[in-house]
Amino acid sequence: MFSSIGIDPYSKTIDEVSLPFNPNYSLLFETFDTELTSKSLDSTFSFDLNAEEIKYSKRIIEKKIIGNIRFGDLKIDENFWYNDQNDTYNRWLHGSRWLFSLTNAYKNTNDKKYSEAACALIEDWLKRFGDNYQKNKRIGPKMAWHDETTAIRVQVLCYFYYNCKDVLSKEFIELLTGNL
């Protein structure tokens, strides 16, 4: 990362480096000396992340609710993708980061109900905003194809595909890859 600007953080200390950019970036160098292990991270959290993701995913499936601490609950219904909230909210919604939980729930349990729920939500989004959306000159929420929102969604969809590809139908894979 730093080799392109001539800095080898492994061979020099922060005092030996003349930074050609904001000195606050020196905090990046400090992380090279800190070893984070899963054991140290486990002791940092007082809850079981896998259990929390499964609980969140069950709520999505059983109650048809996607929740966010900042924005509250969102009922999954015919108006799910359309709302009057602000751009930040729509970026969260259309970026689909909440699909990480469904993906991880499947990954940790091998229960297809999680991957199937994710497929249904992805398919609904693609049918509303995929090829037809582009052909219709993007009528709808402006954040659906915002650059940052799209970048986040592509990461989420790639993660989902990588972890669930063994249970995805050929038709779904074609729909997904045809719209990326």
C-alpha atoms as a PDB file:
ATOM      1  CA  MET A   1       0.000   0.000   0.000  1.00  0.00           C
ATOM      2  CA  PHE A   2       2.715   2.474   0.951  1.00  0.00           C
ATOM      3  CA  SER A   3       5.336   1.193  -1.477  1.00  0.00           C
ATOM      4  CA  SER A   4       3.870   3.372  -4.220  1.00  0.00           C
ATOM      5  CA  ILE A   5       4.975   6.444  -2.263  1.00  0.00           C
ATOM      6  CA  GLY A   6       8.321   4.977  -1.255  1.00  0.00           C
ATOM      7  CA  ILE A   7       7.521   4.052   2.331  1.00  0.00           C
ATOM      8  CA  ASP A   8       8.219   0.639   3.778  1.00  0.00           C
ATOM      9  CA  PRO A   9       6.425   0.673   7.152  1.00  0.00           C
ATOM     10  CA  TYR A  10       8.114  -2.555   8.181  1.00  0.00           C
ATOM     11  CA  SER A  11      11.657  -1.206   7.985  1.00  0.00           C
ATOM     12  CA  LYS A  12      11.256   2.301   9.389  1.00  0.00           C
ATOM     13  CA  THR A  13       9.746   3.820  12.461  1.00  0.00           C
ATOM     14  CA  ILE A  14       7.372   6.749  12.223  1.00  0.00           C
ATOM     15  CA  ASP A  15      10.179   9.085  13.344  1.00  0.00           C
ATOM     16  CA  GLU A  16      12.356   7.987  10.410  1.00  0.00           C
ATOM     17  CA  VAL A  17       9.676   8.580   7.797  1.00  0.00           C
ATOM     18  CA  SER A  18       8.957  11.959   6.287  1.00  0.00           C
ATOM     19  CA  LEU A  19       5.270  11.705   5.486  1.00  0.00           C
ATOM     20  CA  PRO A  20       4.213  13.431   2.250  1.00  0.00           C
ATOM     21  CA  PHE A  21       0.629  13.568   3.471  1.00  0.00           C
ATOM     22  CA  ASN A  22      -1.439  14.333   6.547  1.00  0.00           C
ATOM     23  CA  PRO A  23       0.478  13.296   9.693  1.00  0.00           C
ATOM     24  CA  ASN A  24      -2.700  11.804  11.149  1.00  0.00           C
ATOM     25  CA  TYR A  25      -2.045   8.887   8.811  1.00  0.00           C
ATOM     26  CA  SER A  26       0.738   7.933  11.205  1.00  0.00           C
ATOM     27  CA  LEU A  27      -1.923   6.006  13.083  1.00  0.00           C
ATOM     28  CA  LEU A  28      -1.870   3.552  10.188  1.00  0.00           C
ATOM     29  CA  PHE A  29       1.743   2.731  10.946  1.00  0.00           C
ATOM     30  CA  GLU A  30       0.953   1.936  14.550  1.00  0.00           C
ATOM     31  CA  THR A  31      -1.355  -0.872  13.458  1.00  0.00           C
ATOM     32  CA  PHE A  32       1.544  -2.727  11.835  1.00  0.00           C
ATOM     33  CA  ASP A  33       2.988  -3.386  15.285  1.00  0.00           C
ATOM     34  CA  THR A  34      -0.309  -4.574  16.740  1.00  0.00           C
ATOM     35  CA  GLU A  35      -1.309  -8.150  16.161  1.00  0.00           C
ATOM     36  CA  LEU A  36      -5.036  -8.701  16.216  1.00  0.00           C
ATOM     37  CA  THR A  37      -6.050 -12.279  16.702  1.00  0.00           C
ATOM     38  CA  SER A  38      -9.463 -13.870  16.818  1.00  0.00           C
ATOM     39  CA  LYS A  39      -8.802 -14.640  20.486  1.00  0.00           C
ATOM     40  CA  SER A  40      -8.188 -10.969  21.311  1.00  0.00           C
ATOM     41  CA  LEU A  41     -11.247  -9.943  19.316  1.00  0.00           C
ATOM     42  CA  ASP A  42     -13.403 -12.599  21.016  1.00  0.00           C
ATOM     43  CA  SER A  43     -12.515 -11.187  24.407  1.00  0.00           C
ATOM     44  CA  THR A  44     -13.449  -7.687  23.223  1.00  0.00           C
ATOM     45  CA  PHE A  45     -17.049  -8.594  22.444  1.00  0.00           C
ATOM     46  CA  SER A  46     -19.443  -9.723  25.137  1.00  0.00           C
ATOM     47  CA  PHE A  47     -21.868 -11.360  22.720  1.00  0.00           C
ATOM     48  CA  ASP A  48     -21.821 -14.192  20.223  1.00  0.00           C
ATOM     49  CA  LEU A  49     -21.790 -12.545  16.793  1.00  0.00           C
ATOM     50  CA  ASN A  50     -22.972 -15.688  15.016  1.00  0.00           C
ATOM     51  CA  ALA A  51     -25.938 -16.029  17.378  1.00  0.00           C
ATOM     52  CA  GLU A  52     -26.811 -12.357  16.877  1.00  0.00           C
ATOM     53  CA  GLU A  53     -26.702 -12.671  13.088  1.00  0.00           C
ATOM     54  CA  ILE A  54     -28.881 -15.773  13.206  1.00  0.00           C
ATOM     55  CA  LYS A  55     -31.340 -13.983  15.505  1.00  0.00           C
ATOM     56  CA  TYR A  56     -31.404 -10.956  13.159  1.00  0.00           C
ATOM     57  CA  SER A  57     -31.850 -13.217  10.128  1.00  0.00           C
ATOM     58  CA  LYS A  58     -34.712 -15.122  11.754  1.00  0.00           C
ATOM     59  CA  ARG A  59     -36.419 -11.788  12.367  1.00  0.00           C
ATOM     60  CA  ILE A  60     -36.073 -10.935   8.678  1.00  0.00           C
ATOM     61  CA  ILE A  61     -37.637 -14.261   7.687  1.00  0.00           C
ATOM     62  CA  GLU A  62     -40.292 -14.692  10.368  1.00  0.00           C
ATOM     63  CA  LYS A  63     -41.427 -11.113  10.975  1.00  0.00           C
ATOM     64  CA  LYS A  64     -40.547  -9.646   7.567  1.00  0.00           C
ATOM     65  CA  ILE A  65     -38.655  -6.848   9.305  1.00  0.00           C
ATOM     66  CA  ILE A  66     -35.184  -5.498   8.624  1.00  0.00           C
ATOM     67  CA  GLY A  67     -33.921  -3.412  11.481  1.00  0.00           C
ATOM     68  CA  ASN A  68     -31.255  -0.803  11.879  1.00  0.00           C
ATOM     69  CA  ILE A  69     -30.249   0.819  15.149  1.00  0.00           C
ATOM     70  CA  ARG A  70     -30.049   4.234  13.525  1.00  0.00           C
ATOM     71  CA  PHE A  71     -33.171   4.060  11.354  1.00  0.00           C
ATOM     72  CA  GLY A  72     -35.450   1.636  13.148  1.00  0.00           C
ATOM     73  CA  ASP A  73     -37.449  -1.215  11.649  1.00  0.00           C
ATOM     74  CA  LEU A  74     -38.449  -1.496   8.031  1.00  0.00           C
ATOM     75  CA  LYS A  75     -41.333  -3.790   7.109  1.00  0.00           C
ATOM     76  CA  ILE A  76     -40.673  -5.923   4.046  1.00  0.00           C
ATOM     77  CA  ASP A  77     -43.755  -5.325   1.897  1.00  0.00           C
ATOM     78  CA  GLU A  78     -44.655  -3.953  -1.561  1.00  0.00           C
ATOM     79  CA  ASN A  79     -43.280  -0.530  -0.585  1.00  0.00           C
ATOM     80  CA  PHE A  80     -40.078  -1.923   0.910  1.00  0.00           C
ATOM     81  CA  TRP A  81     -37.672  -0.388  -1.614  1.00  0.00           C
ATOM     82  CA  TYR A  82     -39.550   2.933  -1.790  1.00  0.00           C
ATOM     83  CA  ASN A  83     -39.640   5.315   1.163  1.00  0.00           C
ATOM     84  CA  ASP A  84     -39.451   8.947   2.120  1.00  0.00           C
ATOM     85  CA  GLN A  85     -36.353   8.659   4.284  1.00  0.00           C
ATOM     86  CA  ASN A  86     -33.131  10.567   3.632  1.00  0.00           C
ATOM     87  CA  ASP A  87     -30.253   9.613   1.319  1.00  0.00           C
ATOM     88  CA  THR A  88     -28.271   7.976   4.130  1.00  0.00           C
ATOM     89  CA  TYR A  89     -31.166   5.671   4.864  1.00  0.00           C
ATOM     90  CA  ASN A  90     -31.633   4.821   1.187  1.00  0.00           C
ATOM     91  CA  ARG A  91     -27.901   4.187   0.814  1.00  0.00           C
ATOM     92  CA  TRP A  92     -28.153   1.665   3.664  1.00  0.00           C
ATOM     93  CA  LEU A  93     -31.279   0.078   2.201  1.00  0.00           C
ATOM     94  CA  HIS A  94     -30.139  -0.206  -1.428  1.00  0.00           C
ATOM     95  CA  GLY A  95     -26.548  -1.035  -0.464  1.00  0.00           C
ATOM     96  CA  SER A  96     -28.039  -4.160   1.128  1.00  0.00           C
ATOM     97  CA  ARG A  97     -25.424  -4.552   3.866  1.00  0.00           C
ATOM     98  CA  TRP A  98     -28.084  -6.292   5.936  1.00  0.00           C
ATOM     99  CA  LEU A  99     -27.737  -9.252   3.502  1.00  0.00           C
ATOM    100  CA  PHE A 100     -24.423 -10.043   5.195  1.00  0.00           C
ATOM    101  CA  SER A 101     -26.405 -11.381   8.159  1.00  0.00           C
ATOM    102  CA  LEU A 102     -28.509 -13.715   6.023  1.00  0.00           C
ATOM    103  CA  THR A 103     -25.371 -14.905   4.239  1.00  0.00           C
ATOM    104  CA  ASN A 104     -23.504 -15.501   7.488  1.00  0.00           C
ATOM    105  CA  ALA A 105     -26.512 -17.257   9.015  1.00  0.00           C
ATOM    106  CA  TYR A 106     -26.515 -19.671   6.075  1.00  0.00           C
ATOM    107  CA  LYS A 107     -22.733 -20.014   6.226  1.00  0.00           C
ATOM    108  CA  ASN A 108     -22.836 -20.907   9.929  1.00  0.00           C
ATOM    109  CA  THR A 109     -25.875 -23.209   9.901  1.00  0.00           C
ATOM    110  CA  ASN A 110     -26.163 -24.546   6.323  1.00  0.00           C
ATOM    111  CA  ASP A 111     -29.893 -23.898   6.678  1.00  0.00           C
ATOM    112  CA  LYS A 112     -31.205 -23.020   3.224  1.00  0.00           C
ATOM    113  CA  LYS A 113     -33.960 -20.809   4.615  1.00  0.00           C
ATOM    114  CA  TYR A 114     -31.368 -18.050   5.035  1.00  0.00           C
ATOM    115  CA  SER A 115     -29.986 -18.270   1.504  1.00  0.00           C
ATOM    116  CA  GLU A 116     -33.527 -18.561   0.116  1.00  0.00           C
ATOM    117  CA  ALA A 117     -34.632 -15.422   1.974  1.00  0.00           C
ATOM    118  CA  ALA A 118     -31.595 -13.570   0.635  1.00  0.00           C
ATOM    119  CA  CYS A 119     -32.355 -14.816  -2.896  1.00  0.00           C
ATOM    120  CA  ALA A 120     -35.943 -13.588  -2.650  1.00  0.00           C
ATOM    121  CA  LEU A 121     -34.840 -10.097  -1.573  1.00  0.00           C
ATOM    122  CA  ILE A 122     -32.090  -9.912  -4.195  1.00  0.00           C
ATOM    123  CA  GLU A 123     -34.449 -11.119  -6.910  1.00  0.00           C
ATOM    124  CA  ASP A 124     -37.076  -8.569  -5.882  1.00  0.00           C
ATOM    125  CA  TRP A 125     -34.496  -5.756  -6.040  1.00  0.00           C
ATOM    126  CA  LEU A 126     -33.181  -6.937  -9.427  1.00  0.00           C
ATOM    127  CA  LYS A 127     -36.673  -7.169 -10.898  1.00  0.00           C
ATOM    128  CA  ARG A 128     -37.463  -3.639  -9.771  1.00  0.00           C
ATOM    129  CA  PHE A 129     -34.123  -1.957 -10.464  1.00  0.00           C
ATOM    130  CA  GLY A 130     -32.071  -4.280 -12.708  1.00  0.00           C
ATOM    131  CA  ASP A 131     -32.264  -4.280 -16.507  1.00  0.00           C
ATOM    132  CA  ASN A 132     -35.845  -2.978 -16.608  1.00  0.00           C
ATOM    133  CA  TYR A 133     -34.908  -0.118 -14.307  1.00  0.00           C
ATOM    134  CA  GLN A 134     -32.086   0.940 -16.629  1.00  0.00           C
ATOM    135  CA  LYS A 135     -34.293   0.632 -19.696  1.00  0.00           C
ATOM    136  CA  ASN A 136     -36.865   2.840 -17.977  1.00  0.00           C
ATOM    137  CA  LYS A 137     -34.275   5.576 -17.413  1.00  0.00           C
ATOM    138  CA  ARG A 138     -33.928   4.880 -13.700  1.00  0.00           C
ATOM    139  CA  ILE A 139     -37.288   6.030 -12.473  1.00  0.00           C
ATOM    140  CA  GLY A 140     -37.395   5.420  -8.736  1.00  0.00           C
ATOM    141  CA  PRO A 141     -35.208   6.046  -5.686  1.00  0.00           C
ATOM    142  CA  LYS A 142     -32.072   7.925  -6.746  1.00  0.00           C
ATOM    143  CA  MET A 143     -29.908   5.973  -4.307  1.00  0.00           C
ATOM    144  CA  ALA A 144     -30.696   2.641  -6.005  1.00  0.00           C
ATOM    145  CA  TRP A 145     -27.843   3.208  -8.485  1.00  0.00           C
ATOM    146  CA  HIS A 146     -25.808   5.816  -6.637  1.00  0.00           C
ATOM    147  CA  ASP A 147     -22.081   5.108  -7.077  1.00  0.00           C
ATOM    148  CA  GLU A 148     -21.304   4.319  -3.431  1.00  0.00           C
ATOM    149  CA  THR A 149     -24.525   2.363  -2.962  1.00  0.00           C
ATOM    150  CA  THR A 150     -23.751   0.295  -6.044  1.00  0.00           C
ATOM    151  CA  ALA A 151     -20.188  -0.401  -4.875  1.00  0.00           C
ATOM    152  CA  ILE A 152     -21.447  -1.595  -1.481  1.00  0.00           C
ATOM    153  CA  ARG A 153     -24.155  -3.747  -3.058  1.00  0.00           C
ATOM    154  CA  VAL A 154     -21.671  -5.380  -5.447  1.00  0.00           C
ATOM    155  CA  GLN A 155     -19.463  -6.330  -2.478  1.00  0.00           C
ATOM    156  CA  VAL A 156     -22.456  -7.755  -0.625  1.00  0.00           C
ATOM    157  CA  LEU A 157     -23.649  -9.706  -3.676  1.00  0.00           C
ATOM    158  CA  CYS A 158     -20.174 -11.105  -4.349  1.00  0.00           C
ATOM    159  CA  TYR A 159     -19.903 -12.211  -0.701  1.00  0.00           C
ATOM    160  CA  PHE A 160     -23.358 -13.780  -0.912  1.00  0.00           C
ATOM    161  CA  TYR A 161     -22.541 -15.594  -4.154  1.00  0.00           C
ATOM    162  CA  TYR A 162     -19.199 -16.854  -2.873  1.00  0.00           C
ATOM    163  CA  ASN A 163     -20.742 -18.275   0.308  1.00  0.00           C
ATOM    164  CA  CYS A 164     -24.031 -19.579  -1.096  1.00  0.00           C
ATOM    165  CA  LYS A 165     -23.218 -20.626  -4.670  1.00  0.00           C
ATOM    166  CA  ASP A 166     -23.577 -24.312  -3.833  1.00  0.00           C
ATOM    167  CA  VAL A 167     -27.322 -23.882  -3.178  1.00  0.00           C
ATOM    168  CA  LEU A 168     -28.239 -21.275  -5.801  1.00  0.00           C
ATOM    169  CA  SER A 169     -30.320 -22.271  -8.808  1.00  0.00           C
ATOM    170  CA  LYS A 170     -28.931 -21.866 -12.303  1.00  0.00           C
ATOM    171  CA  GLU A 171     -31.749 -19.382 -13.067  1.00  0.00           C
ATOM    172  CA  PHE A 172     -30.884 -17.248 -10.056  1.00  0.00           C
ATOM    173  CA  ILE A 173     -27.181 -17.229 -10.927  1.00  0.00           C
ATOM    174  CA  GLU A 174     -28.037 -16.105 -14.451  1.00  0.00           C
ATOM    175  CA  LEU A 175     -30.308 -13.361 -13.089  1.00  0.00           C
ATOM    176  CA  LEU A 176     -27.633 -12.206 -10.652  1.00  0.00           C
ATOM    177  CA  THR A 177     -24.699 -12.257 -13.045  1.00  0.00           C
ATOM    178  CA  GLY A 178     -26.753 -10.724 -15.828  1.00  0.00           C
ATOM    179  CA  ASN A 179     -27.442  -7.690 -13.658  1.00  0.00           C
ATOM    180  CA  LEU A 180     -24.026  -7.031 -12.164  1.00  0.00           C
END
